[in-house]
C-alpha atoms as a PDB file:
ATOM      1  CA  UNK A   1     -20.140  15.801 -76.941  1.00  0.00           C
ATOM      2  CA  UNK A   2     -20.244  19.065 -78.863  1.00  0.00           C
ATOM      3  CA  UNK A   3     -20.858  21.289 -75.827  1.00  0.00           C
ATOM      4  CA  UNK A   4     -18.013  22.478 -73.631  1.00  0.00           C
ATOM      5  CA  UNK A   5     -17.869  21.254 -70.043  1.00  0.00           C
ATOM      6  CA  UNK A   6     -18.921  24.722 -68.882  1.00  0.00           C
ATOM      7  CA  UNK A   7     -21.994  24.537 -71.129  1.00  0.00           C
ATOM      8  CA  UNK A   8     -22.857  21.016 -69.979  1.00  0.00           C
ATOM      9  CA  UNK A   9     -22.726  22.002 -66.323  1.00  0.00           C
ATOM     10  CA  UNK A  10     -24.694  25.197 -66.939  1.00  0.00           C
ATOM     11  CA  UNK A  11     -27.405  23.276 -68.826  1.00  0.00           C
ATOM     12  CA  UNK A  12     -28.130  20.950 -65.895  1.00  0.00           C
ATOM     13  CA  UNK A  13     -31.478  21.438 -64.185  1.00  0.00           C
ATOM     14  CA  UNK A  14     -29.981  23.111 -61.161  1.00  0.00           C
ATOM     15  CA  UNK A  15     -33.327  23.974 -59.566  1.00  0.00           C
ATOM     16  CA  UNK A  16     -34.155  20.263 -59.402  1.00  0.00           C
ATOM     17  CA  UNK A  17     -30.608  19.358 -58.341  1.00  0.00           C
ATOM     18  CA  UNK A  18     -30.671  21.831 -55.458  1.00  0.00           C
ATOM     19  CA  UNK A  19     -33.983  20.372 -54.325  1.00  0.00           C
ATOM     20  CA  UNK A  20     -32.584  16.838 -54.475  1.00  0.00           C
ATOM     21  CA  UNK A  21     -29.484  17.862 -52.506  1.00  0.00           C
ATOM     22  CA  UNK A  22     -31.630  19.457 -49.820  1.00  0.00           C
ATOM     23  CA  UNK A  23     -34.022  16.509 -49.585  1.00  0.00           C
ATOM     24  CA  UNK A  24     -31.675  13.549 -49.985  1.00  0.00           C
ATOM     25  CA  UNK A  25     -28.187  14.943 -49.412  1.00  0.00           C
ATOM     26  CA  UNK A  26     -26.753  13.676 -52.700  1.00  0.00           C
ATOM     27  CA  UNK A  27     -27.634  13.590 -56.383  1.00  0.00           C
ATOM     28  CA  UNK A  28     -26.657  11.395 -59.333  1.00  0.00           C
ATOM     29  CA  UNK A  29     -25.997  13.102 -62.672  1.00  0.00           C
ATOM     30  CA  UNK A  30     -26.554  11.510 -66.076  1.00  0.00           C
ATOM     31  CA  UNK A  31     -23.612  11.218 -68.479  1.00  0.00           C
ATOM     32  CA  UNK A  32     -21.504  14.371 -68.309  1.00  0.00           C
ATOM     33  CA  UNK A  33     -18.197  13.115 -69.718  1.00  0.00           C
ATOM     34  CA  UNK A  34     -18.141  11.224 -73.012  1.00  0.00           C
ATOM     35  CA  UNK A  35     -16.258   7.985 -73.611  1.00  0.00           C
ATOM     36  CA  UNK A  36     -13.259   9.713 -75.223  1.00  0.00           C
ATOM     37  CA  UNK A  37     -12.894  12.134 -72.310  1.00  0.00           C
ATOM     38  CA  UNK A  38     -13.090   9.270 -69.807  1.00  0.00           C
ATOM     39  CA  UNK A  39     -10.451   7.295 -71.708  1.00  0.00           C
ATOM     40  CA  UNK A  40      -8.234  10.378 -71.945  1.00  0.00           C
ATOM     41  CA  UNK A  41      -8.277  10.689 -68.147  1.00  0.00           C
ATOM     42  CA  UNK A  42      -7.651   6.957 -67.646  1.00  0.00           C
ATOM     43  CA  UNK A  43      -4.676   7.166 -70.006  1.00  0.00           C
ATOM     44  CA  UNK A  44      -3.116   9.782 -67.735  1.00  0.00           C
ATOM     45  CA  UNK A  45      -2.837   7.207 -64.964  1.00  0.00           C
ATOM     46  CA  UNK A  46       0.499   5.798 -66.138  1.00  0.00           C
ATOM     47  CA  UNK A  47       2.048   9.195 -66.925  1.00  0.00           C
ATOM     48  CA  UNK A  48       3.907  10.367 -63.765  1.00  0.00           C
ATOM     49  CA  UNK A  49       4.203  14.080 -64.692  1.00  0.00           C
ATOM     50  CA  UNK A  50       0.456  14.505 -64.105  1.00  0.00           C
ATOM     51  CA  UNK A  51       0.664  13.535 -60.432  1.00  0.00           C
ATOM     52  CA  UNK A  52       2.127  14.824 -57.160  1.00  0.00           C
ATOM     53  CA  UNK A  53       1.754  11.611 -55.145  1.00  0.00           C
ATOM     54  CA  UNK A  54       0.539   8.003 -55.266  1.00  0.00           C
ATOM     55  CA  UNK A  55      -1.214   6.271 -52.364  1.00  0.00           C
ATOM     56  CA  UNK A  56      -1.237   2.514 -51.845  1.00  0.00           C
ATOM     57  CA  UNK A  57      -4.463   2.046 -49.907  1.00  0.00           C
ATOM     58  CA  UNK A  58      -3.469  -1.218 -48.188  1.00  0.00           C
ATOM     59  CA  UNK A  59      -0.384   0.405 -46.687  1.00  0.00           C
ATOM     60  CA  UNK A  60      -2.546   2.861 -44.738  1.00  0.00           C
ATOM     61  CA  UNK A  61      -5.446   0.433 -44.194  1.00  0.00           C
ATOM     62  CA  UNK A  62      -7.704   2.653 -46.321  1.00  0.00           C
ATOM     63  CA  UNK A  63      -8.864  -0.341 -48.338  1.00  0.00           C
ATOM     64  CA  UNK A  64      -7.333  -2.146 -51.303  1.00  0.00           C
ATOM     65  CA  UNK A  65      -6.407  -0.212 -54.428  1.00  0.00           C
ATOM     66  CA  UNK A  66      -4.428   2.823 -55.454  1.00  0.00           C
ATOM     67  CA  UNK A  67      -5.094   6.479 -56.077  1.00  0.00           C
ATOM     68  CA  UNK A  68      -3.058   9.373 -57.394  1.00  0.00           C
ATOM     69  CA  UNK A  69      -3.382  13.098 -56.690  1.00  0.00           C
ATOM     70  CA  UNK A  70      -3.074  15.306 -59.749  1.00  0.00           C
ATOM     71  CA  UNK A  71      -0.340  17.914 -59.749  1.00  0.00           C
ATOM     72  CA  UNK A  72      -1.138  21.612 -60.271  1.00  0.00           C
ATOM     73  CA  UNK A  73      -1.726  23.006 -62.793  1.00  0.00           C
ATOM     74  CA  UNK A  74      -4.491  20.491 -63.370  1.00  0.00           C
ATOM     75  CA  UNK A  75      -5.264  18.995 -66.785  1.00  0.00           C
ATOM     76  CA  UNK A  76      -7.779  21.206 -68.588  1.00  0.00           C
ATOM     77  CA  UNK A  77     -10.761  18.886 -68.225  1.00  0.00           C
ATOM     78  CA  UNK A  78     -10.282  18.627 -64.442  1.00  0.00           C
ATOM     79  CA  UNK A  79      -9.783  22.358 -64.068  1.00  0.00           C
ATOM     80  CA  UNK A  80     -13.004  23.043 -65.964  1.00  0.00           C
ATOM     81  CA  UNK A  81     -14.974  20.588 -63.838  1.00  0.00           C
ATOM     82  CA  UNK A  82     -13.618  22.092 -60.630  1.00  0.00           C
ATOM     83  CA  UNK A  83     -14.176  25.683 -61.745  1.00  0.00           C
ATOM     84  CA  UNK A  84     -17.673  25.353 -63.202  1.00  0.00           C
ATOM     85  CA  UNK A  85     -19.268  23.030 -60.653  1.00  0.00           C
ATOM     86  CA  UNK A  86     -18.123  25.224 -57.785  1.00  0.00           C
ATOM     87  CA  UNK A  87     -20.488  28.263 -58.080  1.00  0.00           C
ATOM     88  CA  UNK A  88     -23.712  26.233 -57.946  1.00  0.00           C
ATOM     89  CA  UNK A  89     -22.386  24.045 -55.163  1.00  0.00           C
ATOM     90  CA  UNK A  90     -21.226  27.103 -53.224  1.00  0.00           C
ATOM     91  CA  UNK A  91     -24.814  28.363 -53.386  1.00  0.00           C
ATOM     92  CA  UNK A  92     -25.988  25.057 -51.897  1.00  0.00           C
ATOM     93  CA  UNK A  93     -23.200  25.097 -49.301  1.00  0.00           C
ATOM     94  CA  UNK A  94     -24.156  28.568 -48.081  1.00  0.00           C
ATOM     95  CA  UNK A  95     -27.835  27.603 -47.989  1.00  0.00           C
ATOM     96  CA  UNK A  96     -26.962  24.597 -45.820  1.00  0.00           C
ATOM     97  CA  UNK A  97     -25.051  26.863 -43.453  1.00  0.00           C
ATOM     98  CA  UNK A  98     -28.100  29.113 -43.163  1.00  0.00           C
ATOM     99  CA  UNK A  99     -30.283  26.093 -42.382  1.00  0.00           C
ATOM    100  CA  UNK A 100     -27.975  25.344 -39.448  1.00  0.00           C
ATOM    101  CA  UNK A 101     -28.061  28.935 -38.225  1.00  0.00           C
ATOM    102  CA  UNK A 102     -24.564  29.820 -39.446  1.00  0.00           C
ATOM    103  CA  UNK A 103     -23.255  32.664 -41.595  1.00  0.00           C
ATOM    104  CA  UNK A 104     -22.401  32.098 -45.252  1.00  0.00           C
ATOM    105  CA  UNK A 105     -18.655  31.696 -45.828  1.00  0.00           C
ATOM    106  CA  UNK A 106     -18.183  30.330 -49.347  1.00  0.00           C
ATOM    107  CA  UNK A 107     -17.361  32.890 -52.067  1.00  0.00           C
ATOM    108  CA  UNK A 108     -19.013  32.539 -55.480  1.00  0.00           C
ATOM    109  CA  UNK A 109     -15.691  32.129 -57.313  1.00  0.00           C
ATOM    110  CA  UNK A 110     -13.514  29.059 -56.841  1.00  0.00           C
ATOM    111  CA  UNK A 111     -10.259  31.048 -57.041  1.00  0.00           C
ATOM    112  CA  UNK A 112     -11.379  33.117 -54.074  1.00  0.00           C
ATOM    113  CA  UNK A 113     -12.133  29.972 -52.104  1.00  0.00           C
ATOM    114  CA  UNK A 114      -8.682  28.559 -52.885  1.00  0.00           C
ATOM    115  CA  UNK A 115      -7.149  31.756 -51.521  1.00  0.00           C
ATOM    116  CA  UNK A 116      -8.764  30.906 -48.179  1.00  0.00           C
ATOM    117  CA  UNK A 117      -7.221  27.428 -48.352  1.00  0.00           C
ATOM    118  CA  UNK A 118      -3.785  28.794 -49.190  1.00  0.00           C
ATOM    119  CA  UNK A 119      -3.912  31.256 -46.301  1.00  0.00           C
ATOM    120  CA  UNK A 120      -4.170  28.196 -44.023  1.00  0.00           C
ATOM    121  CA  UNK A 121      -1.208  26.541 -45.773  1.00  0.00           C
ATOM    122  CA  UNK A 122      -3.496  24.188 -47.705  1.00  0.00           C
ATOM    123  CA  UNK A 123      -1.711  24.465 -51.035  1.00  0.00           C
ATOM    124  CA  UNK A 124      -1.596  20.919 -52.460  1.00  0.00           C
ATOM    125  CA  UNK A 125      -4.063  19.963 -55.203  1.00  0.00           C
ATOM    126  CA  UNK A 126      -6.638  17.311 -54.311  1.00  0.00           C
ATOM    127  CA  UNK A 127      -8.434  16.068 -57.480  1.00  0.00           C
ATOM    128  CA  UNK A 128      -7.528  12.409 -57.827  1.00  0.00           C
ATOM    129  CA  UNK A 129      -7.906   9.299 -59.967  1.00  0.00           C
ATOM    130  CA  UNK A 130      -8.633   5.978 -58.279  1.00  0.00           C
ATOM    131  CA  UNK A 131      -7.924   2.467 -59.531  1.00  0.00           C
ATOM    132  CA  UNK A 132      -9.368  -0.730 -58.067  1.00  0.00           C
ATOM    133  CA  UNK A 133      -8.749  -4.251 -59.338  1.00  0.00           C
ATOM    134  CA  UNK A 134     -10.599  -7.450 -58.420  1.00  0.00           C
ATOM    135  CA  UNK A 135     -10.921  -7.627 -54.640  1.00  0.00           C
ATOM    136  CA  UNK A 136     -10.342  -3.885 -54.256  1.00  0.00           C
ATOM    137  CA  UNK A 137     -12.484  -1.599 -52.114  1.00  0.00           C
ATOM    138  CA  UNK A 138     -12.412   1.731 -50.297  1.00  0.00           C
ATOM    139  CA  UNK A 139     -13.223   1.945 -46.592  1.00  0.00           C
ATOM    140  CA  UNK A 140     -15.710   4.525 -45.366  1.00  0.00           C
ATOM    141  CA  UNK A 141     -13.956   7.870 -44.952  1.00  0.00           C
ATOM    142  CA  UNK A 142     -14.073  11.644 -45.418  1.00  0.00           C
ATOM    143  CA  UNK A 143     -11.776  13.800 -47.585  1.00  0.00           C
ATOM    144  CA  UNK A 144     -11.130  16.867 -45.404  1.00  0.00           C
ATOM    145  CA  UNK A 145      -7.345  17.511 -45.633  1.00  0.00           C
ATOM    146  CA  UNK A 146      -7.200  20.537 -43.344  1.00  0.00           C
ATOM    147  CA  UNK A 147      -9.008  23.227 -41.380  1.00  0.00           C
ATOM    148  CA  UNK A 148     -10.845  24.509 -44.467  1.00  0.00           C
ATOM    149  CA  UNK A 149     -12.907  22.149 -46.579  1.00  0.00           C
ATOM    150  CA  UNK A 150     -15.717  22.458 -49.104  1.00  0.00           C
ATOM    151  CA  UNK A 151     -18.877  20.531 -48.143  1.00  0.00           C
ATOM    152  CA  UNK A 152     -19.438  18.859 -51.531  1.00  0.00           C
ATOM    153  CA  UNK A 153     -17.376  16.731 -53.866  1.00  0.00           C
ATOM    154  CA  UNK A 154     -18.072  15.072 -57.225  1.00  0.00           C
ATOM    155  CA  UNK A 155     -17.208  11.508 -58.221  1.00  0.00           C
ATOM    156  CA  UNK A 156     -17.122  10.292 -61.847  1.00  0.00           C
ATOM    157  CA  UNK A 157     -17.110   6.728 -63.157  1.00  0.00           C
ATOM    158  CA  UNK A 158     -14.458   6.543 -65.886  1.00  0.00           C
ATOM    159  CA  UNK A 159     -15.095   3.073 -67.279  1.00  0.00           C
ATOM    160  CA  UNK A 160     -18.138   0.901 -67.855  1.00  0.00           C
ATOM    161  CA  UNK A 161     -19.834  -1.114 -65.136  1.00  0.00           C
ATOM    162  CA  UNK A 162     -20.663  -4.741 -66.082  1.00  0.00           C
ATOM    163  CA  UNK A 163     -18.272  -4.509 -69.045  1.00  0.00           C
ATOM    164  CA  UNK A 164     -14.939  -3.423 -67.541  1.00  0.00           C
ATOM    165  CA  UNK A 165     -15.737  -4.418 -63.957  1.00  0.00           C
ATOM    166  CA  UNK A 166     -18.443  -5.720 -61.657  1.00  0.00           C
ATOM    167  CA  UNK A 167     -19.172  -4.663 -58.100  1.00  0.00           C
ATOM    168  CA  UNK A 168     -17.581  -1.409 -57.009  1.00  0.00           C
ATOM    169  CA  UNK A 169     -20.722   0.514 -56.125  1.00  0.00           C
ATOM    170  CA  UNK A 170     -20.435   3.887 -54.416  1.00  0.00           C
ATOM    171  CA  UNK A 171     -21.503   3.727 -50.772  1.00  0.00           C
ATOM    172  CA  UNK A 172     -22.709   6.597 -48.578  1.00  0.00           C
ATOM    173  CA  UNK A 173     -23.417   6.069 -44.879  1.00  0.00           C
ATOM    174  CA  UNK A 174     -25.268   8.751 -42.945  1.00  0.00           C
ATOM    175  CA  UNK A 175     -24.916   8.847 -39.166  1.00  0.00           C
ATOM    176  CA  UNK A 176     -28.011  10.334 -37.582  1.00  0.00           C
ATOM    177  CA  UNK A 177     -28.068  11.641 -34.002  1.00  0.00           C
ATOM    178  CA  UNK A 178     -29.499   9.139 -31.509  1.00  0.00           C
ATOM    179  CA  UNK A 179     -30.478   6.784 -34.349  1.00  0.00           C
ATOM    180  CA  UNK A 180     -29.006   3.971 -36.407  1.00  0.00           C
ATOM    181  CA  UNK A 181     -26.988   4.855 -39.514  1.00  0.00           C
ATOM    182  CA  UNK A 182     -28.551   4.911 -42.974  1.00  0.00           C
ATOM    183  CA  UNK A 183     -26.764   3.529 -46.040  1.00  0.00           C
ATOM    184  CA  UNK A 184     -27.069   4.435 -49.724  1.00  0.00           C
ATOM    185  CA  UNK A 185     -25.642   2.348 -52.584  1.00  0.00           C
ATOM    186  CA  UNK A 186     -25.276   4.141 -55.930  1.00  0.00           C
ATOM    187  CA  UNK A 187     -24.223   2.670 -59.267  1.00  0.00           C
ATOM    188  CA  UNK A 188     -22.655   4.894 -61.929  1.00  0.00           C
ATOM    189  CA  UNK A 189     -22.293   4.238 -65.643  1.00  0.00           C
ATOM    190  CA  UNK A 190     -19.288   5.551 -67.585  1.00  0.00           C
ATOM    191  CA  UNK A 191     -19.259   9.354 -67.571  1.00  0.00           C
ATOM    192  CA  UNK A 192     -21.970   9.688 -64.914  1.00  0.00           C
ATOM    193  CA  UNK A 193     -21.304  11.590 -61.698  1.00  0.00           C
ATOM    194  CA  UNK A 194     -22.343  11.659 -58.066  1.00  0.00           C
ATOM    195  CA  UNK A 195     -22.474  14.857 -55.990  1.00  0.00           C
ATOM    196  CA  UNK A 196     -22.371  14.126 -52.264  1.00  0.00           C
ATOM    197  CA  UNK A 197     -21.420  15.756 -48.940  1.00  0.00           C
ATOM    198  CA  UNK A 198     -17.810  15.792 -47.817  1.00  0.00           C
ATOM    199  CA  UNK A 199     -18.609  15.849 -44.113  1.00  0.00           C
ATOM    200  CA  UNK A 200     -22.173  16.565 -42.948  1.00  0.00           C
ATOM    201  CA  UNK A 201     -25.535  17.914 -44.101  1.00  0.00           C
ATOM    202  CA  UNK A 202     -28.631  19.569 -42.604  1.00  0.00           C
ATOM    203  CA  UNK A 203     -31.808  17.510 -42.314  1.00  0.00           C
ATOM    204  CA  UNK A 204     -35.212  19.021 -41.607  1.00  0.00           C
ATOM    205  CA  UNK A 205     -36.805  17.522 -38.517  1.00  0.00           C
ATOM    206  CA  UNK A 206     -39.877  18.313 -36.463  1.00  0.00           C
ATOM    207  CA  UNK A 207     -37.984  21.001 -34.518  1.00  0.00           C
ATOM    208  CA  UNK A 208     -36.041  22.513 -37.396  1.00  0.00           C
ATOM    209  CA  UNK A 209     -32.791  21.464 -39.004  1.00  0.00           C
ATOM    210  CA  UNK A 210     -30.275  19.140 -37.394  1.00  0.00           C
ATOM    211  CA  UNK A 211     -26.892  17.915 -38.630  1.00  0.00           C
ATOM    212  CA  UNK A 212     -25.989  14.413 -39.801  1.00  0.00           C
ATOM    213  CA  UNK A 213     -22.495  13.159 -40.645  1.00  0.00           C
ATOM    214  CA  UNK A 214     -21.658  11.239 -43.822  1.00  0.00           C
ATOM    215  CA  UNK A 215     -18.838   8.914 -44.833  1.00  0.00           C
ATOM    216  CA  UNK A 216     -18.310   7.459 -48.291  1.00  0.00           C
ATOM    217  CA  UNK A 217     -16.532   4.464 -49.771  1.00  0.00           C
ATOM    218  CA  UNK A 218     -16.562   1.879 -52.557  1.00  0.00           C
ATOM    219  CA  UNK A 219     -17.833  -1.700 -52.286  1.00  0.00           C
ATOM    220  CA  UNK A 220     -15.665  -4.656 -53.318  1.00  0.00           C
ATOM    221  CA  UNK A 221     -14.769  -5.042 -56.987  1.00  0.00           C
ATOM    222  CA  UNK A 222     -15.805  -8.579 -57.914  1.00  0.00           C
ATOM    223  CA  UNK A 223     -14.108  -8.661 -61.341  1.00  0.00           C
ATOM    224  CA  UNK A 224     -12.135  -6.421 -63.702  1.00  0.00           C
ATOM    225  CA  UNK A 225     -10.688  -2.965 -63.036  1.00  0.00           C
ATOM    226  CA  UNK A 226     -12.602   0.142 -61.985  1.00  0.00           C
ATOM    227  CA  UNK A 227     -11.365   3.710 -62.501  1.00  0.00           C
ATOM    228  CA  UNK A 228     -12.900   6.749 -60.829  1.00  0.00           C
ATOM    229  CA  UNK A 229     -12.244  10.480 -60.818  1.00  0.00           C
ATOM    230  CA  UNK A 230     -12.731  12.530 -57.669  1.00  0.00           C
ATOM    231  CA  UNK A 231     -13.189  16.302 -57.884  1.00  0.00           C
ATOM    232  CA  UNK A 232     -12.456  17.817 -54.477  1.00  0.00           C
ATOM    233  CA  UNK A 233     -12.716  21.595 -54.267  1.00  0.00           C
ATOM    234  CA  UNK A 234     -10.441  22.441 -51.340  1.00  0.00           C
ATOM    235  CA  UNK A 235      -6.681  22.049 -51.401  1.00  0.00           C
ATOM    236  CA  UNK A 236      -4.727  19.997 -48.855  1.00  0.00           C
ATOM    237  CA  UNK A 237      -2.212  20.935 -46.180  1.00  0.00           C
END
């Protein structure tokens, strides 16, 4: 792609995306990273200097697979994604707070938000790369990491569904008050992204807005190897 990541993010139809986030709680983006960029990130996986820690998911009963947290300073492509997605998502985050009758708390600049994290001793970087092989999966969970968290995160598919792997769909489960949970299954092609809530979202009901809680995971990989990139905007304690 000839455009920079900043230009690609800025050129998205944010009016429509904000509407989709408000109505459905999540939104799928068409290809934002090209094949070379995806392969560049995958190639980092076996280079230890990029990472601060590695998590074996079976050990903690998180699922079956492995993920690695990138070390700060982040690789340029991850830093750009984190920096340039944040302002639009902060606008949505503050709007959601208003819907629930709360004051806005998210600054427009990502650096200012990270200062809030660091004041609470949340200083460890959280963007991560995930690897699942045949039989791998990720249990339903939330990525909070501390007292302060940002209410959106972005997931990228780094390799090609049906070519490099099968299965491995993204799963969102929404727990509604006094009602049964609702599930969403989303497939992503290489370079596509999913924006979804980290914890909860406001839903408009007959008596105004109410809050639902969301968890996310990955369905079982039925063949091959799946790589994903998670952009989380708050740092961890």
